[in-house]
C-alpha atoms as a PDB file:
ATOM      1  CA  UNK A   1      -1.557  16.256  -3.129  1.00  0.00           C
ATOM      2  CA  UNK A   2      -2.566  15.748   0.470  1.00  0.00           C
ATOM      3  CA  UNK A   3      -0.720  15.111   3.451  1.00  0.00           C
ATOM      4  CA  UNK A   4      -3.203  12.216   4.114  1.00  0.00           C
ATOM      5  CA  UNK A   5      -2.254  10.570   1.127  1.00  0.00           C
ATOM      6  CA  UNK A   6      -1.499   6.544   1.504  1.00  0.00           C
ATOM      7  CA  UNK A   7       0.538   6.293  -1.672  1.00  0.00           C
ATOM      8  CA  UNK A   8       4.075   4.884  -0.807  1.00  0.00           C
ATOM      9  CA  UNK A   9       5.754   7.785  -2.452  1.00  0.00           C
ATOM     10  CA  UNK A  10       3.019  10.518  -1.746  1.00  0.00           C
ATOM     11  CA  UNK A  11       4.700  13.418  -3.220  1.00  0.00           C
ATOM     12  CA  UNK A  12       6.315  11.673  -6.752  1.00  0.00           C
ATOM     13  CA  UNK A  13       3.236   9.810  -7.069  1.00  0.00           C
ATOM     14  CA  UNK A  14       1.137  13.407  -6.980  1.00  0.00           C
ATOM     15  CA  UNK A  15       4.079  14.841  -9.426  1.00  0.00           C
ATOM     16  CA  UNK A  16       3.362  12.052 -12.282  1.00  0.00           C
ATOM     17  CA  UNK A  17      -0.305  12.717 -11.848  1.00  0.00           C
ATOM     18  CA  UNK A  18       0.052  16.477 -12.365  1.00  0.00           C
ATOM     19  CA  UNK A  19       2.683  15.778 -15.016  1.00  0.00           C
ATOM     20  CA  UNK A  20       0.327  13.947 -16.965  1.00  0.00           C
ATOM     21  CA  UNK A  21      -2.462  16.161 -16.862  1.00  0.00           C
ATOM     22  CA  UNK A  22      -3.768  18.939 -19.127  1.00  0.00           C
ATOM     23  CA  UNK A  23      -1.907  21.505 -16.745  1.00  0.00           C
ATOM     24  CA  UNK A  24       1.772  20.049 -16.195  1.00  0.00           C
ATOM     25  CA  UNK A  25       3.204  23.381 -15.822  1.00  0.00           C
ATOM     26  CA  UNK A  26       1.782  22.984 -12.280  1.00  0.00           C
ATOM     27  CA  UNK A  27       4.861  21.053 -11.051  1.00  0.00           C
ATOM     28  CA  UNK A  28       6.771  24.383 -11.157  1.00  0.00           C
ATOM     29  CA  UNK A  29       4.885  25.321  -8.099  1.00  0.00           C
ATOM     30  CA  UNK A  30       6.210  22.402  -6.309  1.00  0.00           C
ATOM     31  CA  UNK A  31      10.013  22.909  -6.318  1.00  0.00           C
ATOM     32  CA  UNK A  32      12.040  24.743  -4.002  1.00  0.00           C
ATOM     33  CA  UNK A  33      14.119  28.005  -4.688  1.00  0.00           C
ATOM     34  CA  UNK A  34      17.278  25.792  -4.634  1.00  0.00           C
ATOM     35  CA  UNK A  35      15.837  22.879  -7.014  1.00  0.00           C
ATOM     36  CA  UNK A  36      18.219  20.810  -8.892  1.00  0.00           C
ATOM     37  CA  UNK A  37      17.632  18.012 -11.036  1.00  0.00           C
ATOM     38  CA  UNK A  38      18.828  15.632 -13.935  1.00  0.00           C
ATOM     39  CA  UNK A  39      16.289  13.724 -15.891  1.00  0.00           C
ATOM     40  CA  UNK A  40      18.304  11.390 -18.012  1.00  0.00           C
ATOM     41  CA  UNK A  41      16.261   9.472 -20.731  1.00  0.00           C
ATOM     42  CA  UNK A  42      17.659   6.917 -23.488  1.00  0.00           C
ATOM     43  CA  UNK A  43      16.922   7.693 -27.060  1.00  0.00           C
ATOM     44  CA  UNK A  44      18.023   4.297 -28.384  1.00  0.00           C
ATOM     45  CA  UNK A  45      21.095   3.032 -30.242  1.00  0.00           C
ATOM     46  CA  UNK A  46      23.178   3.731 -26.388  1.00  0.00           C
ATOM     47  CA  UNK A  47      22.467   7.484 -27.089  1.00  0.00           C
ATOM     48  CA  UNK A  48      20.497   9.512 -24.165  1.00  0.00           C
ATOM     49  CA  UNK A  49      19.380  13.006 -23.355  1.00  0.00           C
ATOM     50  CA  UNK A  50      20.089  14.839 -20.107  1.00  0.00           C
ATOM     51  CA  UNK A  51      18.104  17.678 -18.958  1.00  0.00           C
ATOM     52  CA  UNK A  52      20.272  19.107 -15.855  1.00  0.00           C
ATOM     53  CA  UNK A  53      20.059  22.239 -13.838  1.00  0.00           C
ATOM     54  CA  UNK A  54      17.476  24.062 -11.701  1.00  0.00           C
ATOM     55  CA  UNK A  55      14.330  25.572 -12.652  1.00  0.00           C
ATOM     56  CA  UNK A  56      15.233  26.721 -16.251  1.00  0.00           C
ATOM     57  CA  UNK A  57      16.188  23.022 -16.839  1.00  0.00           C
ATOM     58  CA  UNK A  58      12.955  21.944 -15.862  1.00  0.00           C
ATOM     59  CA  UNK A  59      11.069  24.394 -18.089  1.00  0.00           C
ATOM     60  CA  UNK A  60      12.884  23.282 -20.782  1.00  0.00           C
ATOM     61  CA  UNK A  61      11.826  19.500 -20.299  1.00  0.00           C
ATOM     62  CA  UNK A  62       8.521  20.397 -20.037  1.00  0.00           C
ATOM     63  CA  UNK A  63       8.288  22.560 -23.231  1.00  0.00           C
ATOM     64  CA  UNK A  64       9.911  19.630 -25.416  1.00  0.00           C
ATOM     65  CA  UNK A  65       7.565  17.060 -23.870  1.00  0.00           C
ATOM     66  CA  UNK A  66       4.894  15.552 -26.110  1.00  0.00           C
ATOM     67  CA  UNK A  67       1.721  16.705 -23.907  1.00  0.00           C
ATOM     68  CA  UNK A  68      -1.107  13.847 -23.709  1.00  0.00           C
ATOM     69  CA  UNK A  69       0.798  11.086 -25.405  1.00  0.00           C
ATOM     70  CA  UNK A  70       2.366   9.664 -22.643  1.00  0.00           C
ATOM     71  CA  UNK A  71       1.614   8.524 -18.976  1.00  0.00           C
ATOM     72  CA  UNK A  72       3.462   7.515 -16.048  1.00  0.00           C
ATOM     73  CA  UNK A  73       2.653   4.507 -14.077  1.00  0.00           C
ATOM     74  CA  UNK A  74       3.623   3.311 -10.387  1.00  0.00           C
ATOM     75  CA  UNK A  75       5.044  -0.160 -10.126  1.00  0.00           C
ATOM     76  CA  UNK A  76       6.691   0.232  -6.786  1.00  0.00           C
ATOM     77  CA  UNK A  77       7.865   2.929  -4.625  1.00  0.00           C
ATOM     78  CA  UNK A  78       8.936   3.909  -0.883  1.00  0.00           C
ATOM     79  CA  UNK A  79       9.660   6.889   1.175  1.00  0.00           C
ATOM     80  CA  UNK A  80      13.047   7.110   3.336  1.00  0.00           C
ATOM     81  CA  UNK A  81      12.861  10.213   5.488  1.00  0.00           C
ATOM     82  CA  UNK A  82      12.822  12.871   2.913  1.00  0.00           C
ATOM     83  CA  UNK A  83      13.626  10.774   0.467  1.00  0.00           C
ATOM     84  CA  UNK A  84      11.074   9.049  -2.089  1.00  0.00           C
ATOM     85  CA  UNK A  85      11.394   6.174  -4.729  1.00  0.00           C
ATOM     86  CA  UNK A  86       9.486   5.578  -7.413  1.00  0.00           C
ATOM     87  CA  UNK A  87       9.663   2.604 -10.206  1.00  0.00           C
ATOM     88  CA  UNK A  88       7.161   3.141 -12.848  1.00  0.00           C
ATOM     89  CA  UNK A  89       6.475   2.359 -16.318  1.00  0.00           C
ATOM     90  CA  UNK A  90       5.667   4.870 -19.515  1.00  0.00           C
ATOM     91  CA  UNK A  91       2.840   4.186 -21.447  1.00  0.00           C
ATOM     92  CA  UNK A  92       1.748   5.200 -24.626  1.00  0.00           C
ATOM     93  CA  UNK A  93      -1.607   4.992 -25.758  1.00  0.00           C
ATOM     94  CA  UNK A  94      -1.966   2.134 -22.925  1.00  0.00           C
ATOM     95  CA  UNK A  95       1.281   0.268 -24.357  1.00  0.00           C
ATOM     96  CA  UNK A  96       4.288  -0.168 -21.966  1.00  0.00           C
ATOM     97  CA  UNK A  97       6.817   2.374 -23.681  1.00  0.00           C
ATOM     98  CA  UNK A  98       9.721   2.513 -21.107  1.00  0.00           C
ATOM     99  CA  UNK A  99      10.761   2.050 -17.838  1.00  0.00           C
ATOM    100  CA  UNK A 100      12.016   4.525 -15.358  1.00  0.00           C
ATOM    101  CA  UNK A 101      13.369   5.013 -11.864  1.00  0.00           C
ATOM    102  CA  UNK A 102      13.053   8.593 -10.121  1.00  0.00           C
ATOM    103  CA  UNK A 103      14.459   9.748  -6.624  1.00  0.00           C
ATOM    104  CA  UNK A 104      13.414  12.937  -5.079  1.00  0.00           C
ATOM    105  CA  UNK A 105      14.488  14.911  -1.922  1.00  0.00           C
ATOM    106  CA  UNK A 106      11.453  16.718  -0.435  1.00  0.00           C
ATOM    107  CA  UNK A 107      11.793  19.643   2.267  1.00  0.00           C
ATOM    108  CA  UNK A 108       8.496  20.590   3.763  1.00  0.00           C
ATOM    109  CA  UNK A 109       6.387  20.643   0.785  1.00  0.00           C
ATOM    110  CA  UNK A 110       8.627  21.350  -2.138  1.00  0.00           C
ATOM    111  CA  UNK A 111      11.027  19.131  -4.103  1.00  0.00           C
ATOM    112  CA  UNK A 112      14.738  19.870  -3.544  1.00  0.00           C
ATOM    113  CA  UNK A 113      16.106  17.370  -5.762  1.00  0.00           C
ATOM    114  CA  UNK A 114      14.993  15.069  -8.596  1.00  0.00           C
ATOM    115  CA  UNK A 115      16.948  12.172 -10.450  1.00  0.00           C
ATOM    116  CA  UNK A 116      15.119  10.355 -13.187  1.00  0.00           C
ATOM    117  CA  UNK A 117      16.561   7.699 -15.424  1.00  0.00           C
ATOM    118  CA  UNK A 118      14.483   6.396 -18.470  1.00  0.00           C
ATOM    119  CA  UNK A 119      15.407   3.198 -20.575  1.00  0.00           C
ATOM    120  CA  UNK A 120      13.059   1.098 -23.207  1.00  0.00           C
ATOM    121  CA  UNK A 121      15.704  -1.284 -22.828  1.00  0.00           C
ATOM    122  CA  UNK A 122      14.255  -3.147 -19.706  1.00  0.00           C
ATOM    123  CA  UNK A 123      10.938  -3.919 -18.361  1.00  0.00           C
ATOM    124  CA  UNK A 124      10.119  -4.606 -14.758  1.00  0.00           C
ATOM    125  CA  UNK A 125       6.947  -6.658 -15.526  1.00  0.00           C
END
């Protein structure tokens, strides 16, 4: 991630690139000391899983992920002051699997807050 990035949500764009890389744990270096998150994703049939909390919740989320099977793709994004909003699509083997929206608050060069919602029930195509 560089400060010269022209991405509409440069921090979250870099975040998802790292998450899709061979070393997704590097995102742990990008969070603030008082980081908190909620990652809520549909598991089908009206059920959902929520990873909520601080650093340990993010570690738990990273541990349960299927590394190298899904990739995150930008559909649209914007930055409003410290806040970045990212609408994306999750693909498995290049095939769309789910849509997601992420909101992050960036303070300095660290992510302070992260909220992600993901569902396979809606597409933004």
